[in-house]
Protein backbone atom coordinates (compact mmCIF):
# COMPACT_ATOMS: atom_id res chain seq x y z
CA MET A 1 10.31 23.05 13.91
CA TRP A 2 11.11 19.39 14.20
CA GLY A 3 10.97 17.83 17.62
CA ASN A 4 8.85 20.51 19.28
CA THR A 5 6.04 18.11 20.20
CA PRO A 6 5.67 14.33 20.59
CA GLY A 7 3.66 14.23 17.36
CA ASN A 8 6.38 16.08 15.47
CA VAL A 9 9.52 14.13 16.26
CA ASP A 10 12.90 14.70 14.66
CA PRO A 11 13.29 12.88 11.31
CA SER A 12 15.43 9.78 11.32
CA THR A 13 19.07 10.09 10.33
CA PRO A 14 19.45 9.08 6.67
CA HIS A 15 21.73 6.21 5.70
CA ALA A 16 25.16 7.18 4.53
CA PHE A 17 25.42 7.68 0.78
CA ARG A 18 28.42 6.42 -1.11
CA ARG A 19 29.16 7.46 -4.65
CA LEU A 20 29.59 4.54 -7.00
CA THR A 21 32.79 4.21 -8.95
CA ALA A 22 32.55 4.30 -12.74
CA THR A 23 32.94 0.51 -12.85
CA GLU A 24 30.17 0.02 -10.28
CA GLN A 25 27.90 2.40 -12.23
CA GLU A 26 28.47 0.44 -15.44
CA GLU A 27 27.86 -2.86 -13.64
CA ARG A 28 24.62 -1.54 -12.17
CA LYS A 29 23.56 -0.22 -15.55
CA ALA A 30 24.26 -3.59 -17.22
CA VAL A 31 22.46 -5.64 -14.55
CA LEU A 32 19.41 -3.37 -14.53
CA GLY A 33 19.41 -3.27 -18.34
CA ALA A 34 19.34 -7.08 -18.42
CA ALA A 35 16.42 -7.05 -16.00
CA LEU A 36 14.47 -4.70 -18.26
CA ALA A 37 15.30 -6.90 -21.25
CA ARG A 38 13.64 -9.80 -19.40
CA VAL A 39 10.53 -7.64 -19.04
CA ASP A 40 10.55 -6.87 -22.77
CA ASP A 41 10.98 -10.57 -23.59
CA ALA A 42 8.06 -11.51 -21.35
CA LEU A 43 5.86 -8.86 -22.98
CA GLU A 44 6.75 -10.17 -26.45
CA ARG A 45 5.98 -13.74 -25.35
CA SER A 46 2.63 -12.56 -23.98
CA GLN A 47 1.72 -10.86 -27.24
CA SER A 48 2.73 -13.94 -29.21
CA LEU A 49 0.71 -16.28 -26.99
CA HIS A 50 -2.30 -13.98 -27.20
CA GLY A 51 -2.00 -13.96 -30.98
CA GLN A 52 -1.98 -17.77 -30.94
CA GLY A 53 -5.18 -17.86 -28.89
CA HIS A 54 -3.62 -18.70 -25.51
CA ALA A 55 -5.36 -15.96 -23.55
CA VAL A 56 -4.82 -17.48 -20.09
CA ALA A 57 -1.10 -17.93 -20.68
CA ALA A 58 -0.82 -14.43 -22.15
CA PHE A 59 -2.54 -12.97 -19.08
CA GLY A 60 -0.31 -15.06 -16.80
CA LEU A 61 2.75 -13.62 -18.52
CA LEU A 62 1.42 -10.09 -18.00
CA LYS A 63 1.07 -10.82 -14.27
CA TYR A 64 4.65 -12.18 -14.35
CA VAL A 65 5.76 -8.89 -15.95
CA ASP A 66 4.27 -7.12 -12.92
CA LEU A 67 6.48 -9.27 -10.69
CA LEU A 68 9.58 -8.57 -12.80
CA LEU A 69 8.91 -4.83 -12.71
CA ALA A 70 8.38 -4.93 -8.95
CA ARG A 71 11.71 -6.72 -8.54
CA PHE A 72 13.37 -4.19 -10.84
CA ASN A 73 12.03 -1.19 -8.92
CA LEU A 74 12.95 -2.69 -5.56
CA ALA A 75 16.48 -3.53 -6.73
CA LEU A 76 16.90 -0.02 -8.15
CA ALA A 77 15.80 1.54 -4.87
CA GLN A 78 18.07 -0.77 -2.89
CA SER A 79 21.06 0.02 -5.10
CA ARG A 80 20.46 3.76 -4.73
CA ALA A 81 20.23 3.33 -0.97
CA GLY A 82 23.58 1.55 -0.88
CA HIS A 83 22.20 -1.93 -0.13
CA THR A 84 25.01 -4.32 -1.09
CA GLU A 85 22.78 -7.30 -1.95
CA TRP A 86 20.44 -5.44 -4.33
CA GLN A 87 21.24 -7.76 -7.27
CA SER A 88 19.78 -10.76 -5.46
CA THR A 89 16.40 -8.99 -5.48
CA LEU A 90 16.26 -9.35 -9.26
CA ASN A 91 16.54 -13.11 -9.20
CA ASP A 92 14.18 -15.69 -7.76
CA PRO A 93 15.05 -18.88 -9.68
CA GLU A 94 12.58 -21.04 -7.73
CA ARG A 95 9.62 -18.77 -8.44
CA ASP A 96 10.73 -18.35 -12.07
CA ALA A 97 10.94 -22.15 -12.51
CA LYS A 98 7.47 -22.61 -11.01
CA PHE A 99 6.07 -20.00 -13.37
CA GLU A 100 7.71 -21.60 -16.41
CA ALA A 101 6.33 -25.02 -15.36
CA TRP A 102 2.83 -23.53 -15.10
CA LEU A 103 3.22 -21.89 -18.48
CA ALA A 104 4.41 -25.14 -20.07
CA LYS A 105 1.32 -26.93 -18.69
CA ASP A 106 -1.03 -24.24 -20.00
CA VAL A 107 0.51 -23.96 -23.48
CA PRO A 108 0.98 -27.24 -25.34
CA ALA A 109 4.26 -27.47 -27.24
C-alpha cells in the first residue's frame, strides 16, 4: 500500500484535466501539424544539401530536426497536461535565426 513506509510515500496528486473543446482540439491539431511540417521541410532541405555535396550543412540540419522534434514532443506533453503556454514551446525565433545564419555561412548561395 502507498504511504506505509517513508520509502513508499503516497503519489502526488495529479493536475486537474480539462477536456478541450472541439475548437481547441482543431487549433491544437493545426499548430502541431504545422510544427511537424517544419520538421519535414528541414529533412527535405537536409537531403537536398547532402545531394549537393554540403555534408556539414546537411548534418547541421539533421541536428536541427532533433531540436524541432524535441520542441514538438515537449509542446505536445504540455498541451496534454493542460499547460496554457504550450504553443510558445514550439517557437524560438532567436535560436532559429542563429541557425539560419550559420547555415547561410556554411552554404554559399
